[in-house]
PDB file of N, CA and C in Angstrom:
ATOM      1  N   MET A   1    -109.858  94.485  23.740  1.00  0.00           N
ATOM      2  CA  MET A   1    -111.103  94.345  23.014  1.00  0.00           C
ATOM      3  C   MET A   1    -112.301  94.595  23.922  1.00  0.00           C
ATOM      4  N   LYS A   2    -112.214  94.090  25.167  1.00  0.00           N
ATOM      5  CA  LYS A   2    -113.315  94.269  26.112  1.00  0.00           C
ATOM      6  C   LYS A   2    -113.483  95.740  26.485  1.00  0.00           C
ATOM      7  N   ILE A   3    -112.377  96.459  26.553  1.00  0.00           N
ATOM      8  CA  ILE A   3    -112.435  97.882  26.904  1.00  0.00           C
ATOM      9  C   ILE A   3    -113.139  98.664  25.800  1.00  0.00           C
ATOM     10  N   ILE A   4    -112.836  98.357  24.544  1.00  0.00           N
ATOM     11  CA  ILE A   4    -113.474  99.038  23.424  1.00  0.00           C
ATOM     12  C   ILE A   4    -114.974  98.761  23.423  1.00  0.00           C
ATOM     13  N   LEU A   5    -115.351  97.533  23.672  1.00  0.00           N
ATOM     14  CA  LEU A   5    -116.764  97.179  23.736  1.00  0.00           C
ATOM     15  C   LEU A   5    -117.461  97.924  24.866  1.00  0.00           C
ATOM     16  N   LYS A   6    -116.777  98.055  25.989  1.00  0.00           N
ATOM     17  CA  LYS A   6    -117.337  98.777  27.131  1.00  0.00           C
ATOM     18  C   LYS A   6    -117.572 100.246  26.780  1.00  0.00           C
ATOM     19  N   TYR A   7    -116.629 100.879  26.085  1.00  0.00           N
ATOM     20  CA  TYR A   7    -116.781 102.273  25.680  1.00  0.00           C
ATOM     21  C   TYR A   7    -117.902 102.442  24.651  1.00  0.00           C
ATOM     22  N   LYS A   8    -118.050 101.477  23.759  1.00  0.00           N
ATOM     23  CA  LYS A   8    -119.132 101.528  22.783  1.00  0.00           C
ATOM     24  C   LYS A   8    -120.491 101.479  23.488  1.00  0.00           C
ATOM     25  N   ILE A   9    -120.611 100.611  24.480  1.00  0.00           N
ATOM     26  CA  ILE A   9    -121.861 100.497  25.234  1.00  0.00           C
ATOM     27  C   ILE A   9    -122.147 101.792  25.980  1.00  0.00           C
ATOM     28  N   ILE A  10    -121.120 102.369  26.573  1.00  0.00           N
ATOM     29  CA  ILE A  10    -121.290 103.646  27.288  1.00  0.00           C
ATOM     30  C   ILE A  10    -121.696 104.746  26.309  1.00  0.00           C
ATOM     31  N   ALA A  11    -121.063 104.805  25.147  1.00  0.00           N
ATOM     32  CA  ALA A  11    -121.377 105.827  24.148  1.00  0.00           C
ATOM     33  C   ALA A  11    -122.805 105.672  23.642  1.00  0.00           C
ATOM     34  N   ILE A  12    -123.217 104.454  23.355  1.00  0.00           N
ATOM     35  CA  ILE A  12    -124.579 104.212  22.879  1.00  0.00           C
ATOM     36  C   ILE A  12    -125.589 104.570  23.969  1.00  0.00           C
ATOM     37  N   SER A  13    -125.284 104.244  25.210  1.00  0.00           N
ATOM     38  CA  SER A  13    -126.174 104.592  26.315  1.00  0.00           C
ATOM     39  C   SER A  13    -126.288 106.101  26.467  1.00  0.00           C
ATOM     40  N   ALA A  14    -125.175 106.803  26.336  1.00  0.00           N
ATOM     41  CA  ALA A  14    -125.191 108.264  26.452  1.00  0.00           C
ATOM     42  C   ALA A  14    -126.011 108.886  25.328  1.00  0.00           C
ATOM     43  N   ILE A  15    -125.866 108.386  24.129  1.00  0.00           N
ATOM     44  CA  ILE A  15    -126.651 108.892  22.998  1.00  0.00           C
ATOM     45  C   ILE A  15    -128.135 108.659  23.233  1.00  0.00           C
ATOM     46  N   PHE A  16    -128.486 107.481  23.730  1.00  0.00           N
ATOM     47  CA  PHE A  16    -129.885 107.176  24.021  1.00  0.00           C
ATOM     48  C   PHE A  16    -130.443 108.123  25.074  1.00  0.00           C
ATOM     49  N   VAL A  17    -129.688 108.380  26.127  1.00  0.00           N
ATOM     50  CA  VAL A  17    -130.136 109.284  27.186  1.00  0.00           C
ATOM     51  C   VAL A  17    -130.327 110.703  26.646  1.00  0.00           C
ATOM     52  N   LEU A  18    -129.381 111.190  25.853  1.00  0.00           N
ATOM     53  CA  LEU A  18    -129.508 112.522  25.268  1.00  0.00           C
ATOM     54  C   LEU A  18    -130.713 112.608  24.338  1.00  0.00           C
ATOM     55  N   PHE A  19    -130.965 111.565  23.573  1.00  0.00           N
ATOM     56  CA  PHE A  19    -132.115 111.531  22.689  1.00  0.00           C
ATOM     57  C   PHE A  19    -133.414 111.578  23.500  1.00  0.00           C
ATOM     58  N   ALA A  20    -133.469 110.802  24.573  1.00  0.00           N
ATOM     59  CA  ALA A  20    -134.665 110.783  25.423  1.00  0.00           C
ATOM     60  C   ALA A  20    -134.890 112.143  26.071  1.00  0.00           C
ATOM     61  N   ILE A  21    -133.838 112.773  26.519  1.00  0.00           N
ATOM     62  CA  ILE A  21    -133.953 114.103  27.135  1.00  0.00           C
ATOM     63  C   ILE A  21    -134.453 115.120  26.115  1.00  0.00           C
ATOM     64  N   SER A  22    -133.948 115.064  24.897  1.00  0.00           N
ATOM     65  CA  SER A  22    -134.393 116.023  23.878  1.00  0.00           C
ATOM     66  C   SER A  22    -135.865 115.828  23.541  1.00  0.00           C
ATOM     67  N   ILE A  23    -136.336 114.593  23.522  1.00  0.00           N
ATOM     68  CA  ILE A  23    -137.754 114.336  23.267  1.00  0.00           C
ATOM     69  C   ILE A  23    -138.599 114.883  24.405  1.00  0.00           C
ATOM     70  N   LEU A  24    -138.180 114.642  25.635  1.00  0.00           N
ATOM     71  CA  LEU A  24    -138.939 115.138  26.783  1.00  0.00           C
ATOM     72  C   LEU A  24    -138.965 116.659  26.816  1.00  0.00           C
ATOM     73  N   ASN A  25    -137.856 117.295  26.488  1.00  0.00           N
ATOM     74  CA  ASN A  25    -137.816 118.761  26.483  1.00  0.00           C
ATOM     75  C   ASN A  25    -138.687 119.340  25.379  1.00  0.00           C
ATOM     76  N   SER A  26    -138.757 118.700  24.234  1.00  0.00           N
ATOM     77  CA  SER A  26    -139.613 119.212  23.170  1.00  0.00           C
ATOM     78  C   SER A  26    -141.074 119.123  23.562  1.00  0.00           C
ATOM     79  N   CYS A  27    -141.460 118.093  24.264  1.00  0.00           N
ATOM     80  CA  CYS A  27    -142.840 117.974  24.746  1.00  0.00           C
ATOM     81  C   CYS A  27    -143.134 119.044  25.782  1.00  0.00           C
ATOM     82  N   LYS A  28    -142.174 119.324  26.618  1.00  0.00           N
ATOM     83  CA  LYS A  28    -142.350 120.325  27.663  1.00  0.00           C
ATOM     84  C   LYS A  28    -142.565 121.712  27.054  1.00  0.00           C
ATOM     85  N   SER A  29    -141.789 122.078  26.038  1.00  0.00           N
ATOM     86  CA  SER A  29    -141.941 123.398  25.435  1.00  0.00           C
ATOM     87  C   SER A  29    -143.264 123.517  24.699  1.00  0.00           C
ATOM     88  N   THR A  30    -143.757 122.437  24.119  1.00  0.00           N
ATOM     89  CA  THR A  30    -145.051 122.463  23.458  1.00  0.00           C
ATOM     90  C   THR A  30    -146.145 122.759  24.466  1.00  0.00           C
ATOM     91  N   ASN A  31    -146.062 122.175  25.648  1.00  0.00           N
ATOM     92  CA  ASN A  31    -147.058 122.431  26.678  1.00  0.00           C
ATOM     93  C   ASN A  31    -147.027 123.880  27.124  1.00  0.00           C
ATOM     94  N   VAL A  32    -145.851 124.466  27.183  1.00  0.00           N
ATOM     95  CA  VAL A  32    -145.738 125.869  27.581  1.00  0.00           C
ATOM     96  C   VAL A  32    -146.419 126.752  26.546  1.00  0.00           C
ATOM     97  N   VAL A  33    -146.190 126.479  25.280  1.00  0.00           N
ATOM     98  CA  VAL A  33    -146.790 127.285  24.214  1.00  0.00           C
ATOM     99  C   VAL A  33    -148.303 127.144  24.229  1.00  0.00           C
ATOM    100  N   THR A  34    -148.812 125.926  24.384  1.00  0.00           N
ATOM    101  CA  THR A  34    -150.252 125.738  24.338  1.00  0.00           C
ATOM    102  C   THR A  34    -150.943 126.323  25.554  1.00  0.00           C
ATOM    103  N   SER A  35    -150.220 126.567  26.624  1.00  0.00           N
ATOM    104  CA  SER A  35    -150.847 127.156  27.808  1.00  0.00           C
ATOM    105  C   SER A  35    -150.887 128.682  27.728  1.00  0.00           C
ATOM    106  N   LYS A  36    -150.236 129.271  26.749  1.00  0.00           N
ATOM    107  CA  LYS A  36    -150.218 130.730  26.617  1.00  0.00           C
ATOM    108  C   LYS A  36    -151.524 131.222  26.000  1.00  0.00           C
ATOM    109  N   SER A  37    -151.905 132.404  26.401  1.00  0.00           N
ATOM    110  CA  SER A  37    -153.120 133.013  25.856  1.00  0.00           C
ATOM    111  C   SER A  37    -152.831 133.618  24.486  1.00  0.00           C
ATOM    112  N   GLY A  38    -153.904 133.957  23.776  1.00  0.00           N
ATOM    113  CA  GLY A  38    -153.755 134.609  22.480  1.00  0.00           C
ATOM    114  C   GLY A  38    -153.059 135.951  22.592  1.00  0.00           C
ATOM    115  N   ALA A  39    -153.345 136.672  23.680  1.00  0.00           N
ATOM    116  CA  ALA A  39    -152.702 137.972  23.893  1.00  0.00           C
ATOM    117  C   ALA A  39    -151.196 137.804  24.093  1.00  0.00           C
ATOM    118  N   GLU A  40    -150.802 136.796  24.862  1.00  0.00           N
ATOM    119  CA  GLU A  40    -149.363 136.551  25.079  1.00  0.00           C
ATOM    120  C   GLU A  40    -148.682 136.169  23.768  1.00  0.00           C
ATOM    121  N   LEU A  41    -149.313 135.276  23.023  1.00  0.00           N
ATOM    122  CA  LEU A  41    -148.729 134.853  21.746  1.00  0.00           C
ATOM    123  C   LEU A  41    -148.643 136.012  20.762  1.00  0.00           C
ATOM    124  N   TRP A  42    -149.674 136.850  20.739  1.00  0.00           N
ATOM    125  CA  TRP A  42    -149.682 138.021  19.867  1.00  0.00           C
ATOM    126  C   TRP A  42    -148.519 138.948  20.229  1.00  0.00           C
ATOM    127  N   GLY A  43    -148.349 139.202  21.521  1.00  0.00           N
ATOM    128  CA  GLY A  43    -147.272 140.073  21.974  1.00  0.00           C
ATOM    129  C   GLY A  43    -145.897 139.520  21.675  1.00  0.00           C
ATOM    130  N   GLU A  44    -145.736 138.229  21.832  1.00  0.00           N
ATOM    131  CA  GLU A  44    -144.423 137.616  21.623  1.00  0.00           C
ATOM    132  C   GLU A  44    -144.081 137.438  20.147  1.00  0.00           C
ATOM    133  N   ASN A  45    -145.070 137.186  19.327  1.00  0.00           N
ATOM    134  CA  ASN A  45    -144.794 136.851  17.935  1.00  0.00           C
ATOM    135  C   ASN A  45    -144.964 138.019  16.976  1.00  0.00           C
ATOM    136  N   CYS A  46    -145.951 138.844  17.168  1.00  0.00           N
ATOM    137  CA  CYS A  46    -146.226 139.917  16.209  1.00  0.00           C
ATOM    138  C   CYS A  46    -145.328 141.131  16.451  1.00  0.00           C
ATOM    139  N   ILE A  47    -145.164 141.470  17.699  1.00  0.00           N
ATOM    140  CA  ILE A  47    -144.426 142.687  18.034  1.00  0.00           C
ATOM    141  C   ILE A  47    -142.909 142.507  17.882  1.00  0.00           C
ATOM    142  N   ARG A  48    -142.452 141.284  17.825  1.00  0.00           N
ATOM    143  CA  ARG A  48    -141.004 141.082  17.697  1.00  0.00           C
ATOM    144  C   ARG A  48    -140.482 141.533  16.343  1.00  0.00           C
ATOM    145  N   CYS A  49    -141.359 141.584  15.325  1.00  0.00           N
ATOM    146  CA  CYS A  49    -140.915 141.976  13.989  1.00  0.00           C
ATOM    147  C   CYS A  49    -141.382 143.362  13.568  1.00  0.00           C
ATOM    148  N   HIS A  50    -142.507 143.802  14.082  1.00  0.00           N
ATOM    149  CA  HIS A  50    -143.038 145.105  13.691  1.00  0.00           C
ATOM    150  C   HIS A  50    -144.015 145.599  14.747  1.00  0.00           C
ATOM    151  N   ASN A  51    -144.344 146.868  14.644  1.00  0.00           N
ATOM    152  CA  ASN A  51    -145.334 147.424  15.564  1.00  0.00           C
ATOM    153  C   ASN A  51    -146.704 146.925  15.150  1.00  0.00           C
ATOM    154  N   ALA A  52    -147.294 146.131  16.003  1.00  0.00           N
ATOM    155  CA  ALA A  52    -148.606 145.578  15.682  1.00  0.00           C
ATOM    156  C   ALA A  52    -149.676 146.644  15.889  1.00  0.00           C
ATOM    157  N   PRO A  53    -150.618 146.723  14.972  1.00  0.00           N
ATOM    158  CA  PRO A  53    -151.677 147.721  15.119  1.00  0.00           C
ATOM    159  C   PRO A  53    -152.659 147.331  16.211  1.00  0.00           C
ATOM    160  N   SER A  54    -153.453 148.277  16.613  1.00  0.00           N
ATOM    161  CA  SER A  54    -154.503 148.017  17.591  1.00  0.00           C
ATOM    162  C   SER A  54    -155.464 146.970  17.038  1.00  0.00           C
ATOM    163  N   PRO A  55    -155.938 146.055  17.867  1.00  0.00           N
ATOM    164  CA  PRO A  55    -156.885 145.052  17.378  1.00  0.00           C
ATOM    165  C   PRO A  55    -158.144 145.646  16.764  1.00  0.00           C
ATOM    166  N   SER A  56    -158.508 146.846  17.158  1.00  0.00           N
ATOM    167  CA  SER A  56    -159.747 147.440  16.643  1.00  0.00           C
ATOM    168  C   SER A  56    -159.597 148.048  15.252  1.00  0.00           C
ATOM    169  N   ILE A  57    -158.395 148.072  14.721  1.00  0.00           N
ATOM    170  CA  ILE A  57    -158.165 148.716  13.431  1.00  0.00           C
ATOM    171  C   ILE A  57    -158.702 147.886  12.254  1.00  0.00           C
ATOM    172  N   TYR A  58    -158.794 146.561  12.417  1.00  0.00           N
ATOM    173  CA  TYR A  58    -159.264 145.692  11.339  1.00  0.00           C
ATOM    174  C   TYR A  58    -160.523 144.946  11.746  1.00  0.00           C
ATOM    175  N   SER A  59    -161.283 144.513  10.757  1.00  0.00           N
ATOM    176  CA  SER A  59    -162.482 143.704  11.001  1.00  0.00           C
ATOM    177  C   SER A  59    -162.064 142.260  11.289  1.00  0.00           C
ATOM    178  N   ASP A  60    -163.023 141.450  11.721  1.00  0.00           N
ATOM    179  CA  ASP A  60    -162.737 140.040  11.992  1.00  0.00           C
ATOM    180  C   ASP A  60    -162.211 139.329  10.750  1.00  0.00           C
ATOM    181  N   GLU A  61    -162.801 139.606   9.604  1.00  0.00           N
ATOM    182  CA  GLU A  61    -162.376 138.967   8.358  1.00  0.00           C
ATOM    183  C   GLU A  61    -160.956 139.394   7.978  1.00  0.00           C
ATOM    184  N   GLN A  62    -160.652 140.655   8.203  1.00  0.00           N
ATOM    185  CA  GLN A  62    -159.304 141.132   7.891  1.00  0.00           C
ATOM    186  C   GLN A  62    -158.276 140.494   8.819  1.00  0.00           C
ATOM    187  N   TRP A  63    -158.632 140.312  10.099  1.00  0.00           N
ATOM    188  CA  TRP A  63    -157.710 139.655  11.021  1.00  0.00           C
ATOM    189  C   TRP A  63    -157.509 138.195  10.634  1.00  0.00           C
ATOM    190  N   ASP A  64    -158.585 137.521  10.194  1.00  0.00           N
ATOM    191  CA  ASP A  64    -158.438 136.131   9.736  1.00  0.00           C
ATOM    192  C   ASP A  64    -157.396 136.051   8.625  1.00  0.00           C
ATOM    193  N   ALA A  65    -157.522 136.924   7.648  1.00  0.00           N
ATOM    194  CA  ALA A  65    -156.596 136.919   6.509  1.00  0.00           C
ATOM    195  C   ALA A  65    -155.180 137.296   6.941  1.00  0.00           C
ATOM    196  N   ALA A  66    -155.065 138.315   7.772  1.00  0.00           N
ATOM    197  CA  ALA A  66    -153.730 138.774   8.195  1.00  0.00           C
ATOM    198  C   ALA A  66    -153.000 137.704   8.994  1.00  0.00           C
ATOM    199  N   VAL A  67    -153.695 137.074   9.923  1.00  0.00           N
ATOM    200  CA  VAL A  67    -153.035 136.061  10.758  1.00  0.00           C
ATOM    201  C   VAL A  67    -152.679 134.835   9.921  1.00  0.00           C
ATOM    202  N   GLN A  68    -153.546 134.442   8.997  1.00  0.00           N
ATOM    203  CA  GLN A  68    -153.209 133.304   8.139  1.00  0.00           C
ATOM    204  C   GLN A  68    -151.977 133.599   7.284  1.00  0.00           C
ATOM    205  N   HIS A  69    -151.882 134.822   6.807  1.00  0.00           N
ATOM    206  CA  HIS A  69    -150.708 135.216   6.023  1.00  0.00           C
ATOM    207  C   HIS A  69    -149.450 135.223   6.897  1.00  0.00           C
ATOM    208  N   MET A  70    -149.556 135.823   8.054  1.00  0.00           N
ATOM    209  CA  MET A  70    -148.382 135.958   8.927  1.00  0.00           C
ATOM    210  C   MET A  70    -148.035 134.655   9.641  1.00  0.00           C
ATOM    211  N   ARG A  71    -148.967 133.739   9.700  1.00  0.00           N
ATOM    212  CA  ARG A  71    -148.730 132.460  10.373  1.00  0.00           C
ATOM    213  C   ARG A  71    -147.507 131.757   9.806  1.00  0.00           C
ATOM    214  N   TYR A  72    -147.372 131.788   8.506  1.00  0.00           N
ATOM    215  CA  TYR A  72    -146.245 131.117   7.862  1.00  0.00           C
ATOM    216  C   TYR A  72    -144.937 131.881   8.069  1.00  0.00           C
ATOM    217  N   LYS A  73    -145.014 133.181   8.032  1.00  0.00           N
ATOM    218  CA  LYS A  73    -143.806 133.989   8.241  1.00  0.00           C
ATOM    219  C   LYS A  73    -143.306 133.885   9.676  1.00  0.00           C
ATOM    220  N   ALA A  74    -144.242 133.814  10.634  1.00  0.00           N
ATOM    221  CA  ALA A  74    -143.873 133.750  12.050  1.00  0.00           C
ATOM    222  C   ALA A  74    -143.699 132.317  12.533  1.00  0.00           C
ATOM    223  N   ASN A  75    -143.938 131.355  11.644  1.00  0.00           N
ATOM    224  CA  ASN A  75    -143.803 129.943  11.987  1.00  0.00           C
ATOM    225  C   ASN A  75    -144.704 129.563  13.164  1.00  0.00           C
ATOM    226  N   LEU A  76    -145.962 129.946  13.084  1.00  0.00           N
ATOM    227  CA  LEU A  76    -146.932 129.651  14.135  1.00  0.00           C
ATOM    228  C   LEU A  76    -147.652 128.341  13.839  1.00  0.00           C
ATOM    229  N   THR A  77    -148.026 127.639  14.887  1.00  0.00           N
ATOM    230  CA  THR A  77    -148.846 126.447  14.716  1.00  0.00           C
ATOM    231  C   THR A  77    -150.295 126.876  14.505  1.00  0.00           C
ATOM    232  N   ASP A  78    -151.137 125.940  14.099  1.00  0.00           N
ATOM    233  CA  ASP A  78    -152.565 126.243  13.951  1.00  0.00           C
ATOM    234  C   ASP A  78    -153.161 126.707  15.278  1.00  0.00           C
ATOM    235  N   THR A  79    -152.794 126.042  16.352  1.00  0.00           N
ATOM    236  CA  THR A  79    -153.312 126.393  17.679  1.00  0.00           C
ATOM    237  C   THR A  79    -152.925 127.812  18.055  1.00  0.00           C
ATOM    238  N   GLU A  80    -151.655 128.166  17.837  1.00  0.00           N
ATOM    239  CA  GLU A  80    -151.200 129.519  18.165  1.00  0.00           C
ATOM    240  C   GLU A  80    -151.930 130.560  17.328  1.00  0.00           C
ATOM    241  N   ALA A  81    -152.057 130.310  16.028  1.00  0.00           N
ATOM    242  CA  ALA A  81    -152.734 131.256  15.139  1.00  0.00           C
ATOM    243  C   ALA A  81    -154.197 131.423  15.544  1.00  0.00           C
ATOM    244  N   ASN A  82    -154.851 130.318  15.876  1.00  0.00           N
ATOM    245  CA  ASN A  82    -156.253 130.389  16.288  1.00  0.00           C
ATOM    246  C   ASN A  82    -156.429 131.178  17.579  1.00  0.00           C
ATOM    247  N   LYS A  83    -155.494 131.007  18.513  1.00  0.00           N
ATOM    248  CA  LYS A  83    -155.565 131.773  19.768  1.00  0.00           C
ATOM    249  C   LYS A  83    -155.356 133.253  19.511  1.00  0.00           C
ATOM    250  N   ILE A  84    -154.433 133.589  18.641  1.00  0.00           N
ATOM    251  CA  ILE A  84    -154.173 134.986  18.313  1.00  0.00           C
ATOM    252  C   ILE A  84    -155.396 135.599  17.640  1.00  0.00           C
ATOM    253  N   VAL A  85    -155.993 134.902  16.684  1.00  0.00           N
ATOM    254  CA  VAL A  85    -157.183 135.415  16.003  1.00  0.00           C
ATOM    255  C   VAL A  85    -158.322 135.619  17.008  1.00  0.00           C
ATOM    256  N   ALA A  86    -158.511 134.655  17.894  1.00  0.00           N
ATOM    257  CA  ALA A  86    -159.587 134.774  18.887  1.00  0.00           C
ATOM    258  C   ALA A  86    -159.353 136.005  19.767  1.00  0.00           C
ATOM    259  N   PHE A  87    -158.101 136.230  20.167  1.00  0.00           N
ATOM    260  CA  PHE A  87    -157.791 137.429  20.971  1.00  0.00           C
ATOM    261  C   PHE A  87    -158.088 138.695  20.189  1.00  0.00           C
ATOM    262  N   LEU A  88    -157.627 138.772  18.956  1.00  0.00           N
ATOM    263  CA  LEU A  88    -157.816 139.969  18.153  1.00  0.00           C
ATOM    264  C   LEU A  88    -159.294 140.253  17.910  1.00  0.00           C
ATOM    265  N   LYS A  89    -160.067 139.199  17.668  1.00  0.00           N
ATOM    266  CA  LYS A  89    -161.501 139.384  17.451  1.00  0.00           C
ATOM    267  C   LYS A  89    -162.205 139.813  18.739  1.00  0.00           C
ATOM    268  N   SER A  90    -161.751 139.303  19.866  1.00  0.00           N
ATOM    269  CA  SER A  90    -162.386 139.673  21.141  1.00  0.00           C
ATOM    270  C   SER A  90    -162.084 141.113  21.510  1.00  0.00           C
ATOM    271  N   ALA A  91    -160.943 141.622  21.055  1.00  0.00           N
ATOM    272  CA  ALA A  91    -160.550 142.998  21.362  1.00  0.00           C
ATOM    273  C   ALA A  91    -161.045 143.965  20.287  1.00  0.00           C
ATOM    274  N   ASN A  92    -161.635 143.446  19.242  1.00  0.00           N
ATOM    275  CA  ASN A  92    -162.090 144.237  18.103  1.00  0.00           C
ATOM    276  C   ASN A  92    -163.429 144.910  18.403  1.00  0.00           C
TER     277      ASN A  92
END
């Protein structure tokens, strides 16, 4: 009985450690994404699915609409979308 209890404690401890590690890793990846520039995010997210047009091809208003539309398809956060729009407008 004591051996089974010991294994249960070890298993619960291992699960807790894995859970803590997964939380820490998710925070770490968020920091990496937020440190990326709009140009990097644009290159990584837009070009992976299609050939992205030159930033000068659309007006600022058109880029606002396009990025908001594609934000959901590319699963971008508000921060990422805002950085991409700012990059596109600066290059426009």
